[in-house]
Each structure stands twice: as C-alpha cells, then as structure tokens.
C-alpha cells in the first residue's frame, strides 16, 4: 500500500508541475483564456489591476498600463472577454471574432471601451478601433453573418443631469463605424 501511495503522490505532483510550471516560470497567470481558431488567447495581469497583456499564442497583441497616460487604455486598463463569435461561414473577413470590453479601476463607468479582435486560422489578428462606452444600460450586440451591430441605449448619465443619446455602431471588415442618424423629413 505504501508503494501505491508513493506512486500516487509522485503522479499527482508531476501533473501539478506540468500544469502550473509555465505560469510559475513566467510569473503570470492568465485572468482569462480562450482557445480560438488562431490559437490560444490569454489575458495576463502583469501588474495588479494596472497592467495587462492580451496574448495570442504567447505574442502580445494588446498592452494596457494605468501608469502610462499615453496608453490608449490608461483609464480602463483591464480587458475582459465580452463575447466570442464562432461561425461555420465566418464573419466577413474573419473566421472568428472576439469582443473585448475594457474595465476601469474605479466605479465612474459601468464598463468601458469595446474592441473587436478578428481572427483567421492562418492570418494576422486584427484589432479594431474602439467604441467609447461608459455604461448606463448594457450595450446590445447583434452578430450577423457579415457584420456586428452594437446598439448603445441612451439615457441619463451615471452622474449629473441630462440625457445621453443612443448610438449604433457597426463592426465590418475589421473596422468599427458609427451609424449616422437619419434626419427627419
């Protein structure tokens, strides 16, 4: 029984080392991960609540840093996976698309910018320009066969008075564009 127990302990330790060693060596544990058609996508916290790297197959494709005011995501440094779209026919130019939402450190906004990542099996990943979003009611995301529509409902601001109008954005061919409102006739 002692030999069986020792064998079990050795096997358990080997499995734990195999699983945990890569994270232990790099000193970074992914906050989130996703296996995509293009490979392994990971969100890695580099510095607590401040610096994050989004990697695809261990290559950094997006960096954030709350200590660097020149960083586009200085105020919203934490990327999260909002939605992942996988289709048999793809989405326009891409086979799969990931929608990230950037999160801020405080509570002034309920959410943050929305960014699309277009993926191909044998291609370069493509990050879109971002949709500025500070919360209120959640954005409604509609996935189509060749585009994604993001509707941001209007309403009162999180603080103060007034009304923020609704917005509709479209992600198509790797770019995000804001739809113009039709003028009344």
N, C-alpha and C. Protein backbone atom coordinates (compact mmCIF):
# COMPACT_ATOMS: atom_id res chain seq x y z
N UNK A 1 0.82 -1.18 0.00
CA UNK A 1 0.00 0.00 0.00
C UNK A 1 0.87 1.25 0.00
N UNK A 2 2.01 1.21 0.64
CA UNK A 2 2.90 2.36 0.70
C UNK A 2 3.45 2.67 -0.68
N UNK A 3 3.80 1.66 -1.47
CA UNK A 3 4.30 1.90 -2.82
C UNK A 3 3.22 2.54 -3.69
N UNK A 4 1.98 2.07 -3.55
CA UNK A 4 0.88 2.64 -4.33
C UNK A 4 0.66 4.11 -3.93
N UNK A 5 0.73 4.37 -2.65
CA UNK A 5 0.52 5.73 -2.17
C UNK A 5 1.63 6.65 -2.68
N UNK A 6 2.89 6.19 -2.62
CA UNK A 6 4.01 6.98 -3.12
C UNK A 6 3.90 7.21 -4.63
N UNK A 7 3.48 6.19 -5.36
CA UNK A 7 3.29 6.33 -6.80
C UNK A 7 2.19 7.36 -7.09
N UNK A 8 1.12 7.31 -6.32
CA UNK A 8 0.03 8.29 -6.46
C UNK A 8 0.54 9.70 -6.18
N UNK A 9 1.32 9.88 -5.14
CA UNK A 9 1.88 11.20 -4.80
C UNK A 9 2.80 11.71 -5.89
N UNK A 10 3.64 10.84 -6.42
CA UNK A 10 4.57 11.24 -7.48
C UNK A 10 3.79 11.64 -8.73
N UNK A 11 2.79 10.85 -9.08
CA UNK A 11 1.97 11.14 -10.25
C UNK A 11 1.22 12.47 -10.07
N UNK A 12 0.65 12.68 -8.89
CA UNK A 12 -0.08 13.92 -8.61
C UNK A 12 0.84 15.13 -8.69
N UNK A 13 2.03 15.02 -8.12
CA UNK A 13 2.99 16.10 -8.15
C UNK A 13 3.44 16.40 -9.58
N UNK A 14 3.65 15.37 -10.38
CA UNK A 14 4.04 15.54 -11.77
C UNK A 14 2.97 16.29 -12.55
N UNK A 15 1.71 15.92 -12.35
CA UNK A 15 0.60 16.60 -13.03
C UNK A 15 0.52 18.06 -12.60
N UNK A 16 0.62 18.32 -11.30
CA UNK A 16 0.57 19.70 -10.81
C UNK A 16 1.70 20.54 -11.38
N UNK A 17 2.89 19.99 -11.46
CA UNK A 17 4.03 20.72 -12.02
C UNK A 17 3.83 20.99 -13.50
N UNK A 18 3.32 20.01 -14.23
CA UNK A 18 3.11 20.19 -15.67
C UNK A 18 2.08 21.27 -15.94
N UNK A 19 1.05 21.33 -15.13
CA UNK A 19 0.00 22.33 -15.33
C UNK A 19 0.47 23.70 -14.84
N UNK A 20 1.09 23.76 -13.71
CA UNK A 20 1.42 25.04 -13.09
C UNK A 20 2.77 25.61 -13.44
N UNK A 21 3.70 24.81 -13.96
CA UNK A 21 5.05 25.28 -14.21
C UNK A 21 5.14 26.43 -15.21
N UNK A 22 4.45 26.39 -16.36
CA UNK A 22 4.56 27.53 -17.28
C UNK A 22 4.16 28.86 -16.64
N UNK A 23 3.08 28.87 -15.88
CA UNK A 23 2.65 30.11 -15.20
C UNK A 23 3.64 30.49 -14.11
N UNK A 24 4.18 29.50 -13.43
CA UNK A 24 5.13 29.75 -12.36
C UNK A 24 6.42 30.36 -12.90
N UNK A 25 6.90 29.83 -14.03
CA UNK A 25 8.13 30.32 -14.63
C UNK A 25 7.96 31.75 -15.11
N UNK A 26 6.84 32.05 -15.78
CA UNK A 26 6.64 33.41 -16.29
C UNK A 26 6.20 34.36 -15.19
N UNK A 27 5.70 33.83 -14.09
CA UNK A 27 5.22 34.67 -13.00
C UNK A 27 3.87 35.28 -13.30
N UNK A 28 3.22 34.82 -14.37
CA UNK A 28 1.96 35.39 -14.78
C UNK A 28 0.93 34.29 -14.98
N UNK A 29 -0.21 34.48 -14.34
CA UNK A 29 -1.32 33.55 -14.51
C UNK A 29 -2.40 34.26 -15.30
N UNK A 30 -2.91 33.64 -16.37
CA UNK A 30 -3.96 34.30 -17.14
C UNK A 30 -5.20 34.57 -16.29
N UNK A 31 -5.77 35.77 -16.45
CA UNK A 31 -7.04 36.09 -15.79
C UNK A 31 -8.18 35.46 -16.56
N UNK A 32 -7.98 35.29 -17.87
CA UNK A 32 -8.97 34.66 -18.72
C UNK A 32 -8.25 34.09 -19.93
N UNK A 33 -8.83 33.08 -20.54
CA UNK A 33 -8.23 32.50 -21.73
C UNK A 33 -9.32 31.88 -22.60
N UNK A 34 -8.96 31.68 -23.86
CA UNK A 34 -9.91 31.17 -24.82
C UNK A 34 -9.13 30.48 -25.92
N UNK A 35 -9.55 29.28 -26.30
CA UNK A 35 -8.91 28.62 -27.44
C UNK A 35 -9.67 29.02 -28.69
N UNK A 36 -8.98 29.65 -29.63
CA UNK A 36 -9.59 30.15 -30.86
C UNK A 36 -9.04 29.42 -32.07
N UNK A 37 -9.59 29.72 -33.22
CA UNK A 37 -9.11 29.13 -34.47
C UNK A 37 -7.66 29.53 -34.76
N UNK A 38 -7.24 30.70 -34.24
CA UNK A 38 -5.89 31.21 -34.47
C UNK A 38 -4.92 30.78 -33.37
N UNK A 39 -5.41 30.13 -32.32
CA UNK A 39 -4.55 29.70 -31.22
C UNK A 39 -5.09 30.13 -29.88
N UNK A 40 -4.21 30.08 -28.88
CA UNK A 40 -4.61 30.37 -27.50
C UNK A 40 -4.55 31.87 -27.21
N UNK A 41 -5.70 32.42 -26.84
CA UNK A 41 -5.84 33.82 -26.49
C UNK A 41 -5.86 33.91 -24.96
N UNK A 42 -5.03 34.80 -24.40
CA UNK A 42 -4.95 34.93 -22.94
C UNK A 42 -4.94 36.40 -22.54
N UNK A 43 -5.56 36.67 -21.41
CA UNK A 43 -5.47 37.98 -20.77
C UNK A 43 -4.62 37.77 -19.53
N UNK A 44 -3.46 38.41 -19.51
CA UNK A 44 -2.49 38.20 -18.44
C UNK A 44 -2.32 39.49 -17.65
N UNK A 45 -2.48 39.40 -16.35
CA UNK A 45 -2.26 40.55 -15.47
C UNK A 45 -0.77 40.65 -15.17
N UNK A 46 -0.14 41.74 -15.60
CA UNK A 46 1.29 41.95 -15.41
C UNK A 46 1.55 42.65 -14.08
N UNK A 47 0.72 43.66 -13.77
CA UNK A 47 0.79 44.38 -12.50
C UNK A 47 -0.64 44.51 -12.00
N UNK A 48 -0.87 44.17 -10.74
CA UNK A 48 -2.22 44.08 -10.18
C UNK A 48 -3.09 45.29 -10.52
N UNK A 49 -4.22 45.01 -11.16
CA UNK A 49 -5.24 46.00 -11.52
C UNK A 49 -4.74 47.15 -12.37
N UNK A 50 -3.58 47.03 -13.00
CA UNK A 50 -2.99 48.18 -13.68
C UNK A 50 -2.43 47.86 -15.06
N UNK A 51 -1.68 46.79 -15.18
CA UNK A 51 -1.05 46.44 -16.45
C UNK A 51 -1.48 45.05 -16.88
N UNK A 52 -1.94 44.99 -18.15
CA UNK A 52 -2.41 43.72 -18.70
C UNK A 52 -1.84 43.55 -20.10
N UNK A 53 -1.60 42.30 -20.47
CA UNK A 53 -1.24 41.95 -21.84
C UNK A 53 -2.29 40.99 -22.36
N UNK A 54 -2.74 41.22 -23.57
CA UNK A 54 -3.57 40.25 -24.26
C UNK A 54 -2.63 39.56 -25.24
N UNK A 55 -2.53 38.24 -25.14
CA UNK A 55 -1.61 37.50 -25.99
C UNK A 55 -2.36 36.49 -26.85
N UNK A 56 -1.82 36.25 -28.02
CA UNK A 56 -2.31 35.20 -28.91
C UNK A 56 -1.10 34.33 -29.21
N UNK A 57 -1.16 33.08 -28.79
CA UNK A 57 -0.02 32.16 -28.92
C UNK A 57 1.25 32.77 -28.32
N UNK A 58 1.09 33.38 -27.15
CA UNK A 58 2.17 33.98 -26.36
C UNK A 58 2.81 35.21 -27.00
N UNK A 59 2.20 35.78 -28.05
CA UNK A 59 2.66 37.04 -28.63
C UNK A 59 1.70 38.13 -28.18
N UNK A 60 2.23 39.22 -27.65
CA UNK A 60 1.41 40.32 -27.15
C UNK A 60 0.75 41.04 -28.32
N UNK A 61 -0.59 41.14 -28.26
CA UNK A 61 -1.31 41.86 -29.31
C UNK A 61 -1.97 43.14 -28.76
N UNK A 62 -2.05 43.27 -27.44
CA UNK A 62 -2.60 44.47 -26.82
C UNK A 62 -1.99 44.61 -25.43
N UNK A 63 -1.48 45.82 -25.12
CA UNK A 63 -0.92 46.11 -23.80
C UNK A 63 -1.69 47.27 -23.19
N UNK A 64 -1.94 47.19 -21.90
CA UNK A 64 -2.56 48.31 -21.19
C UNK A 64 -1.69 48.66 -19.99
N UNK A 65 -1.78 49.92 -19.57
CA UNK A 65 -0.95 50.37 -18.45
C UNK A 65 -1.58 51.60 -17.82
N UNK A 66 -2.07 51.46 -16.60
CA UNK A 66 -2.71 52.60 -15.91
C UNK A 66 -1.69 53.61 -15.42
N UNK A 67 -0.40 53.27 -15.43
CA UNK A 67 0.64 54.20 -15.00
C UNK A 67 1.16 55.06 -16.16
N UNK A 68 0.75 54.77 -17.37
CA UNK A 68 1.24 55.46 -18.56
C UNK A 68 0.09 56.21 -19.23
N UNK A 69 0.03 57.53 -19.01
CA UNK A 69 -1.07 58.33 -19.54
C UNK A 69 -1.10 58.36 -21.06
N UNK A 70 -0.02 57.98 -21.73
CA UNK A 70 -0.01 57.95 -23.19
C UNK A 70 -0.65 56.66 -23.73
N UNK A 71 -0.89 55.68 -22.85
CA UNK A 71 -1.53 54.43 -23.26
C UNK A 71 -3.01 54.70 -23.51
N UNK A 72 -3.52 54.23 -24.64
CA UNK A 72 -4.93 54.48 -25.01
C UNK A 72 -5.91 53.99 -23.95
N UNK A 73 -5.52 52.97 -23.18
CA UNK A 73 -6.42 52.39 -22.18
C UNK A 73 -5.93 52.68 -20.77
N UNK A 74 -5.35 53.86 -20.59
CA UNK A 74 -4.83 54.31 -19.30
C UNK A 74 -5.92 54.27 -18.22
N UNK A 75 -7.11 54.75 -18.55
CA UNK A 75 -8.18 54.83 -17.55
C UNK A 75 -9.00 53.55 -17.46
N UNK A 76 -8.90 52.69 -18.47
CA UNK A 76 -9.65 51.43 -18.49
C UNK A 76 -8.68 50.29 -18.82
N UNK A 77 -7.81 49.94 -17.89
CA UNK A 77 -6.71 49.04 -18.23
C UNK A 77 -7.04 47.54 -18.26
N UNK A 78 -8.19 47.13 -17.75
CA UNK A 78 -8.43 45.69 -17.64
C UNK A 78 -9.33 45.17 -18.75
N UNK A 79 -8.75 44.42 -19.71
CA UNK A 79 -9.57 43.84 -20.77
C UNK A 79 -10.30 42.60 -20.26
N UNK A 80 -11.55 42.45 -20.68
CA UNK A 80 -12.32 41.25 -20.39
C UNK A 80 -12.93 40.75 -21.70
N UNK A 81 -13.17 39.45 -21.78
CA UNK A 81 -13.82 38.90 -22.96
C UNK A 81 -15.32 39.08 -22.77
N UNK A 82 -15.91 39.93 -23.60
CA UNK A 82 -17.35 40.22 -23.55
C UNK A 82 -18.11 39.11 -24.27
N UNK A 83 -17.72 38.82 -25.52
CA UNK A 83 -18.41 37.84 -26.35
C UNK A 83 -17.42 37.22 -27.32
N UNK A 84 -17.68 35.98 -27.69
CA UNK A 84 -16.85 35.26 -28.65
C UNK A 84 -17.78 34.70 -29.71
N UNK A 85 -17.47 34.97 -30.98
CA UNK A 85 -18.33 34.52 -32.08
C UNK A 85 -17.57 33.56 -32.97
N UNK A 86 -18.14 32.39 -33.13
CA UNK A 86 -17.55 31.36 -33.98
C UNK A 86 -18.65 30.89 -34.92
N UNK A 87 -18.35 30.91 -36.21
CA UNK A 87 -19.36 30.56 -37.19
C UNK A 87 -18.76 29.63 -38.23
N UNK A 88 -19.61 28.80 -38.83
CA UNK A 88 -19.15 27.93 -39.90
C UNK A 88 -18.76 28.73 -41.14
N UNK A 89 -19.39 29.87 -41.34
CA UNK A 89 -19.11 30.68 -42.52
C UNK A 89 -18.21 31.87 -42.21
N UNK A 90 -17.91 32.11 -40.95
CA UNK A 90 -17.07 33.25 -40.57
C UNK A 90 -17.89 34.52 -40.48
N UNK A 91 -17.21 35.61 -40.24
CA UNK A 91 -17.85 36.92 -40.13
C UNK A 91 -17.10 37.86 -41.04
N UNK A 92 -17.58 37.99 -42.26
CA UNK A 92 -16.90 38.87 -43.21
C UNK A 92 -15.51 38.34 -43.51
N UNK A 93 -14.50 39.15 -43.19
CA UNK A 93 -13.11 38.79 -43.48
C UNK A 93 -12.50 37.81 -42.48
N UNK A 94 -13.23 37.51 -41.41
CA UNK A 94 -12.64 36.72 -40.33
C UNK A 94 -13.44 35.44 -40.06
N UNK A 95 -12.74 34.42 -39.58
CA UNK A 95 -13.38 33.16 -39.25
C UNK A 95 -13.99 33.18 -37.85
N UNK A 96 -13.36 33.94 -36.96
CA UNK A 96 -13.87 34.11 -35.59
C UNK A 96 -13.61 35.54 -35.15
N UNK A 97 -14.45 36.01 -34.23
CA UNK A 97 -14.30 37.37 -33.71
C UNK A 97 -14.50 37.33 -32.20
N UNK A 98 -13.64 38.05 -31.48
CA UNK A 98 -13.75 38.20 -30.03
C UNK A 98 -14.05 39.68 -29.76
N UNK A 99 -15.01 39.93 -28.89
CA UNK A 99 -15.31 41.29 -28.47
C UNK A 99 -14.78 41.47 -27.05
N UNK A 100 -13.86 42.42 -26.88
CA UNK A 100 -13.33 42.76 -25.55
C UNK A 100 -14.07 43.97 -25.01
N UNK A 101 -14.20 44.02 -23.69
CA UNK A 101 -14.66 45.23 -23.04
C UNK A 101 -13.60 45.61 -22.02
N UNK A 102 -13.18 46.86 -22.08
CA UNK A 102 -12.17 47.36 -21.16
C UNK A 102 -12.88 47.79 -19.88
N UNK A 103 -12.28 47.47 -18.74
CA UNK A 103 -12.85 47.82 -17.43
C UNK A 103 -11.96 48.84 -16.76
N UNK A 104 -12.56 49.73 -16.00
CA UNK A 104 -11.79 50.77 -15.33
C UNK A 104 -11.52 50.40 -13.87
N UNK A 105 -10.66 51.18 -13.26
CA UNK A 105 -10.25 50.91 -11.89
C UNK A 105 -11.33 51.30 -10.89
N UNK A 106 -12.00 52.41 -11.10
CA UNK A 106 -13.00 52.89 -10.15
C UNK A 106 -14.40 52.48 -10.57
N UNK A 107 -15.37 53.28 -10.15
CA UNK A 107 -16.75 52.95 -10.48
C UNK A 107 -17.45 54.09 -11.21
N UNK A 108 -16.69 54.98 -11.84
CA UNK A 108 -17.29 56.09 -12.57
C UNK A 108 -18.04 55.59 -13.81
N UNK A 109 -17.58 54.52 -14.41
CA UNK A 109 -18.23 53.94 -15.58
C UNK A 109 -18.62 52.50 -15.29
N UNK A 110 -19.71 52.09 -15.86
CA UNK A 110 -20.14 50.69 -15.76
C UNK A 110 -19.69 50.01 -17.05
N UNK A 111 -18.44 49.63 -17.09
CA UNK A 111 -17.86 49.07 -18.31
C UNK A 111 -16.92 50.08 -18.91
N UNK A 112 -16.47 49.79 -20.11
CA UNK A 112 -15.54 50.67 -20.80
C UNK A 112 -15.57 50.40 -22.28
N UNK A 113 -14.54 50.88 -22.99
CA UNK A 113 -14.47 50.74 -24.44
C UNK A 113 -14.70 49.30 -24.88
N UNK A 114 -15.27 49.17 -26.08
CA UNK A 114 -15.48 47.87 -26.71
C UNK A 114 -14.53 47.76 -27.90
N UNK A 115 -13.81 46.65 -28.01
CA UNK A 115 -12.82 46.45 -29.07
C UNK A 115 -13.02 45.05 -29.67
N UNK A 116 -13.02 44.97 -30.99
CA UNK A 116 -13.15 43.68 -31.67
C UNK A 116 -11.79 43.16 -32.08
N UNK A 117 -11.64 41.85 -32.02
CA UNK A 117 -10.44 41.17 -32.50
C UNK A 117 -10.87 40.16 -33.55
N UNK A 118 -10.49 40.41 -34.81
CA UNK A 118 -10.80 39.49 -35.90
C UNK A 118 -9.70 38.45 -36.02
N UNK A 119 -10.11 37.18 -36.20
CA UNK A 119 -9.14 36.07 -36.24
C UNK A 119 -9.34 35.20 -37.47
N UNK A 120 -8.21 34.77 -38.03
CA UNK A 120 -8.20 33.81 -39.13
C UNK A 120 -7.27 32.68 -38.73
N UNK A 121 -7.53 31.49 -39.25
CA UNK A 121 -6.70 30.34 -38.90
C UNK A 121 -5.24 30.58 -39.28
N UNK A 122 -5.01 31.08 -40.48
CA UNK A 122 -3.64 31.28 -40.96
C UNK A 122 -3.38 32.74 -41.28
N UNK A 123 -3.78 33.63 -40.39
CA UNK A 123 -3.61 35.05 -40.68
C UNK A 123 -3.24 35.86 -39.46
N UNK A 124 -2.97 37.12 -39.71
CA UNK A 124 -2.62 38.05 -38.65
C UNK A 124 -3.89 38.50 -37.94
N UNK A 125 -3.89 38.54 -36.61
CA UNK A 125 -5.07 39.03 -35.89
C UNK A 125 -5.25 40.53 -36.16
N UNK A 126 -6.48 40.99 -36.10
CA UNK A 126 -6.77 42.39 -36.40
C UNK A 126 -7.62 43.00 -35.29
N UNK A 127 -7.04 43.98 -34.57
CA UNK A 127 -7.78 44.72 -33.55
C UNK A 127 -8.47 45.91 -34.22
N UNK A 128 -9.72 46.11 -33.89
CA UNK A 128 -10.46 47.24 -34.44
C UNK A 128 -10.18 48.51 -33.65
N UNK A 129 -10.64 49.61 -34.19
CA UNK A 129 -10.70 50.82 -33.39
C UNK A 129 -11.75 50.58 -32.30
N UNK A 130 -11.77 51.40 -31.28
CA UNK A 130 -12.65 51.12 -30.15
C UNK A 130 -13.93 51.93 -30.20
N UNK A 131 -14.94 51.40 -29.51
CA UNK A 131 -16.20 52.10 -29.31
C UNK A 131 -16.16 52.65 -27.89
N UNK A 132 -16.25 53.95 -27.76
CA UNK A 132 -16.23 54.60 -26.46
C UNK A 132 -17.54 54.28 -25.73
N UNK A 133 -17.43 53.64 -24.59
CA UNK A 133 -18.62 53.24 -23.84
C UNK A 133 -18.34 53.41 -22.36
N UNK A 134 -19.24 54.11 -21.66
CA UNK A 134 -19.04 54.34 -20.23
C UNK A 134 -20.21 53.80 -19.42
N UNK A 135 -21.02 53.00 -20.00
CA UNK A 135 -22.05 52.37 -19.21
C UNK A 135 -23.40 53.02 -19.33
N UNK A 136 -24.16 52.89 -18.28
CA UNK A 136 -25.58 53.11 -18.36
C UNK A 136 -26.14 51.71 -18.58
N UNK A 137 -27.13 51.61 -19.41
CA UNK A 137 -27.64 50.27 -19.72
C UNK A 137 -26.63 49.54 -20.61
N UNK A 138 -26.56 48.22 -20.51
CA UNK A 138 -25.58 47.46 -21.30
C UNK A 138 -25.81 47.61 -22.80
N UNK A 139 -24.72 47.55 -23.54
CA UNK A 139 -24.80 47.59 -24.99
C UNK A 139 -25.44 46.29 -25.48
N UNK A 140 -26.25 46.39 -26.54
CA UNK A 140 -26.87 45.21 -27.17
C UNK A 140 -26.04 44.87 -28.40
N UNK A 141 -25.52 43.65 -28.44
CA UNK A 141 -24.65 43.21 -29.53
C UNK A 141 -25.41 42.19 -30.37
N UNK A 142 -25.51 42.46 -31.67
CA UNK A 142 -26.18 41.56 -32.60
C UNK A 142 -25.16 41.06 -33.61
N UNK A 143 -24.95 39.74 -33.62
CA UNK A 143 -23.97 39.13 -34.52
C UNK A 143 -24.67 38.70 -35.80
N UNK A 144 -24.22 39.23 -36.94
CA UNK A 144 -24.75 38.83 -38.24
C UNK A 144 -23.73 37.99 -38.98
N UNK A 145 -24.05 37.61 -40.21
CA UNK A 145 -23.13 36.77 -40.98
C UNK A 145 -21.95 37.56 -41.54
N UNK A 146 -22.11 38.87 -41.74
CA UNK A 146 -21.02 39.65 -42.29
C UNK A 146 -20.70 40.92 -41.51
N UNK A 147 -21.44 41.16 -40.41
CA UNK A 147 -21.17 42.34 -39.59
C UNK A 147 -21.73 42.15 -38.19
N UNK A 148 -21.29 43.01 -37.30
CA UNK A 148 -21.79 43.01 -35.92
C UNK A 148 -22.35 44.41 -35.66
N UNK A 149 -23.53 44.48 -35.10
CA UNK A 149 -24.14 45.76 -34.76
C UNK A 149 -24.14 45.90 -33.23
N UNK A 150 -23.68 47.04 -32.77
CA UNK A 150 -23.66 47.33 -31.33
C UNK A 150 -24.57 48.54 -31.10
N UNK A 151 -25.62 48.33 -30.34
CA UNK A 151 -26.54 49.41 -30.01
C UNK A 151 -26.30 49.82 -28.57
N UNK A 152 -25.99 51.09 -28.37
CA UNK A 152 -25.77 51.62 -27.02
C UNK A 152 -27.00 52.47 -26.68
N UNK A 153 -27.82 51.99 -25.74
CA UNK A 153 -29.05 52.72 -25.42
C UNK A 153 -28.76 54.06 -24.76
N UNK A 154 -29.57 55.03 -25.08
CA UNK A 154 -29.45 56.35 -24.47
C UNK A 154 -30.03 56.34 -23.06
N UNK A 155 -29.84 57.43 -22.37
CA UNK A 155 -30.38 57.56 -21.02
C UNK A 155 -29.62 58.61 -20.24
N UNK A 156 -29.97 58.75 -18.98
CA UNK A 156 -29.27 59.73 -18.14
C UNK A 156 -27.83 59.29 -17.89
N UNK A 157 -26.91 60.24 -17.68
CA UNK A 157 -25.53 59.88 -17.37
C UNK A 157 -25.44 59.22 -15.99
N UNK A 158 -24.32 58.53 -15.75
CA UNK A 158 -24.11 57.89 -14.44
C UNK A 158 -24.09 58.92 -13.32
N UNK A 159 -23.60 60.11 -13.62
CA UNK A 159 -23.54 61.20 -12.65
C UNK A 159 -24.03 62.47 -13.33
N UNK A 160 -24.68 63.30 -12.59
CA UNK A 160 -25.13 64.58 -13.14
C UNK A 160 -26.51 64.48 -13.77
N UNK A 161 -26.82 65.46 -14.60
CA UNK A 161 -28.13 65.51 -15.22
C UNK A 161 -28.00 65.52 -16.73
N UNK A 162 -29.13 65.43 -17.39
CA UNK A 162 -29.13 65.47 -18.85
C UNK A 162 -29.52 64.13 -19.44
N UNK A 163 -29.25 63.99 -20.72
CA UNK A 163 -29.61 62.77 -21.44
C UNK A 163 -28.52 62.48 -22.47
N UNK A 164 -28.06 61.25 -22.50
CA UNK A 164 -27.06 60.82 -23.48
C UNK A 164 -27.83 60.08 -24.57
N UNK A 165 -27.71 60.51 -25.84
CA UNK A 165 -28.47 59.87 -26.92
C UNK A 165 -27.95 58.46 -27.22
N UNK A 166 -28.85 57.64 -27.78
CA UNK A 166 -28.48 56.30 -28.21
C UNK A 166 -27.49 56.39 -29.37
N UNK A 167 -26.69 55.33 -29.53
CA UNK A 167 -25.74 55.24 -30.64
C UNK A 167 -25.79 53.83 -31.21
N UNK A 168 -25.57 53.74 -32.51
CA UNK A 168 -25.46 52.44 -33.17
C UNK A 168 -24.13 52.39 -33.90
N UNK A 169 -23.38 51.32 -33.65
CA UNK A 169 -22.07 51.12 -34.25
C UNK A 169 -22.10 49.81 -35.04
N UNK A 170 -21.28 49.75 -36.10
CA UNK A 170 -21.19 48.53 -36.90
C UNK A 170 -19.72 48.14 -37.04
N UNK A 171 -19.45 46.85 -36.77
CA UNK A 171 -18.12 46.26 -37.00
C UNK A 171 -18.22 45.45 -38.28
N UNK A 172 -17.43 45.86 -39.27
CA UNK A 172 -17.48 45.21 -40.57
C UNK A 172 -16.11 45.34 -41.23
N UNK A 173 -15.61 44.24 -41.77
CA UNK A 173 -14.32 44.23 -42.46
C UNK A 173 -13.19 44.75 -41.58
N UNK A 174 -13.25 44.44 -40.29
CA UNK A 174 -12.18 44.80 -39.37
C UNK A 174 -12.24 46.22 -38.83
N UNK A 175 -13.26 47.00 -39.20
CA UNK A 175 -13.37 48.39 -38.75
C UNK A 175 -14.69 48.62 -38.05
N UNK A 176 -14.67 49.58 -37.13
CA UNK A 176 -15.88 49.98 -36.42
C UNK A 176 -16.27 51.37 -36.92
N UNK A 177 -17.55 51.53 -37.28
CA UNK A 177 -18.02 52.85 -37.70
C UNK A 177 -19.35 53.14 -36.99
N UNK A 178 -19.54 54.42 -36.70
CA UNK A 178 -20.76 54.87 -36.06
C UNK A 178 -21.77 55.21 -37.14
N UNK A 179 -22.99 54.68 -37.01
CA UNK A 179 -24.02 55.00 -37.97
C UNK A 179 -24.56 56.39 -37.69
N UNK A 180 -24.78 57.12 -38.74
CA UNK A 180 -25.35 58.46 -38.61
C UNK A 180 -26.86 58.32 -38.49
N UNK A 181 -27.44 59.16 -37.67
CA UNK A 181 -28.89 59.16 -37.51
C UNK A 181 -29.53 59.78 -38.74
N UNK A 182 -30.63 59.19 -39.18
CA UNK A 182 -31.36 59.75 -40.30
C UNK A 182 -32.03 61.05 -39.87
N UNK A 183 -31.94 62.04 -40.72
CA UNK A 183 -32.56 63.34 -40.41
C UNK A 183 -34.07 63.24 -40.69
N UNK A 184 -34.87 63.83 -39.82
CA UNK A 184 -36.31 63.80 -40.08
C UNK A 184 -36.66 64.63 -41.32
N UNK A 185 -37.64 64.15 -42.08
CA UNK A 185 -38.02 64.84 -43.32
C UNK A 185 -39.10 65.85 -43.07
